[in-house]
Protein backbone atom coordinates (compact mmCIF):
# COMPACT_ATOMS: atom_id res chain seq x y z
CA MET A 1 72.75 118.43 94.25
CA ILE A 2 76.01 120.06 94.58
CA ALA A 3 76.26 121.42 91.24
CA GLY A 4 72.71 122.58 91.97
CA LYS A 5 73.68 124.55 95.10
CA THR A 6 76.76 125.77 93.44
CA LEU A 7 74.42 127.56 90.43
CA GLU A 8 72.18 129.21 93.09
CA ASN A 9 75.08 131.43 94.48
CA ASP A 10 75.74 134.20 92.24
CA GLU A 11 79.55 134.51 93.09
CA TYR A 12 81.83 132.73 91.00
CA SER A 13 84.07 131.71 93.11
CA TYR A 14 81.42 130.19 95.55
CA GLY A 15 81.84 126.52 95.16
CA PHE A 16 81.80 122.84 96.65
CA ASP A 17 85.30 122.18 99.10
CA ALA A 18 84.94 118.38 98.77
CA GLN A 19 88.06 117.83 100.89
CA SER A 20 86.21 119.32 103.93
CA GLY A 21 82.62 118.83 102.43
CA VAL A 22 81.43 122.58 103.07
CA PHE A 23 80.35 125.14 100.57
CA LYS A 24 82.11 128.61 100.82
CA ASP A 25 84.59 131.08 98.85
CA LEU A 26 87.11 128.70 96.93
CA VAL A 27 89.17 131.32 95.87
CA LYS A 28 89.44 132.80 99.71
CA ALA A 29 89.93 129.07 100.70
CA GLY A 30 92.92 129.14 98.33
CA ILE A 31 91.41 125.98 95.59
CA ILE A 32 92.22 127.41 92.56
CA ASP A 33 91.76 124.26 89.50
CA PRO A 34 93.63 125.29 86.15
CA THR A 35 91.25 126.08 83.79
CA LYS A 36 93.32 123.79 80.68
CA VAL A 37 93.46 120.59 82.79
CA VAL A 38 89.53 121.38 83.58
CA ARG A 39 88.67 121.64 79.86
CA THR A 40 90.51 119.39 78.47
CA ALA A 41 88.85 116.77 80.94
CA LEU A 42 85.67 117.70 80.16
CA GLN A 43 86.45 117.89 76.10
CA ASP A 44 87.93 114.36 76.35
CA ALA A 45 84.98 112.67 78.89
CA ALA A 46 82.46 114.53 76.04
CA SER A 47 83.76 113.28 72.90
CA VAL A 48 84.33 109.39 74.59
CA SER A 49 80.75 109.52 75.42
CA GLY A 50 79.55 110.90 72.43
CA LEU A 51 81.79 107.88 70.50
CA LEU A 52 79.78 105.03 72.70
CA ILE A 53 76.30 106.75 72.31
CA THR A 54 76.24 107.19 68.42
CA THR A 55 78.94 103.80 67.68
CA GLU A 56 76.01 100.72 66.58
CA ALA A 57 78.81 98.37 66.80
CA MET A 58 82.20 97.72 69.82
CA VAL A 59 84.65 95.44 69.77
CA ALA A 60 85.82 93.57 71.98
CA GLU A 61 88.07 90.20 73.18
CA ARG A 62 85.63 87.37 73.41
CA PRO A 63 86.98 85.97 76.86
CA GLU A 64 88.84 82.79 76.70
CA LYS A 65 87.08 79.31 77.87
CA LYS A 66 89.32 77.68 80.13
CA PRO A 67 88.15 74.25 81.35
CA ALA A 68 87.22 73.07 84.84
CA GLY A 69 90.87 72.35 86.57
CA GLY A 70 90.51 69.00 88.56
CA MET A 71 89.33 67.66 91.92
CA PRO A 72 91.78 69.23 94.71
CA GLY A 73 94.13 66.64 96.74
CA GLY A 74 93.18 64.99 99.72
CA GLY A 75 94.37 66.71 103.15
CA GLY A 76 96.50 63.00 104.11
CA GLY A 77 96.20 61.28 107.20
CA MET A 78 95.64 62.48 110.29
CA GLY A 79 98.71 62.23 112.75
CA GLY A 80 99.38 61.10 116.12
CA MET A 81 100.07 63.76 118.94
CA GLY A 82 103.52 64.23 119.88
CA GLY A 83 105.06 62.76 122.61
CA MET A 84 102.67 59.62 123.40
CA ASP A 85 105.46 56.48 122.02
CA GLY A 86 105.89 54.85 124.46
CA MET A 87 102.41 55.31 126.15
CA ASP A 88 100.63 51.77 126.61
CA PHE A 89 96.74 52.24 126.27
């Protein structure tokens, strides 16, 4: 949705300001992405996704089977109410 609306506009500097949630002229707003950073991120993402798509098998660690733990201990007996030692019932 965001990419489609951005591409509909003919201005190269028109885009989506994610912080404010508004479409605007990003250059006038002072929002500039370093080209090298964006290009490198896209190249790396495409490379990894290409490897995952074309790989027939992947190597991963098998999760360790751990034995179940023992039963938890009991809560102990209930103590009496404090300050009631000298009372007769």
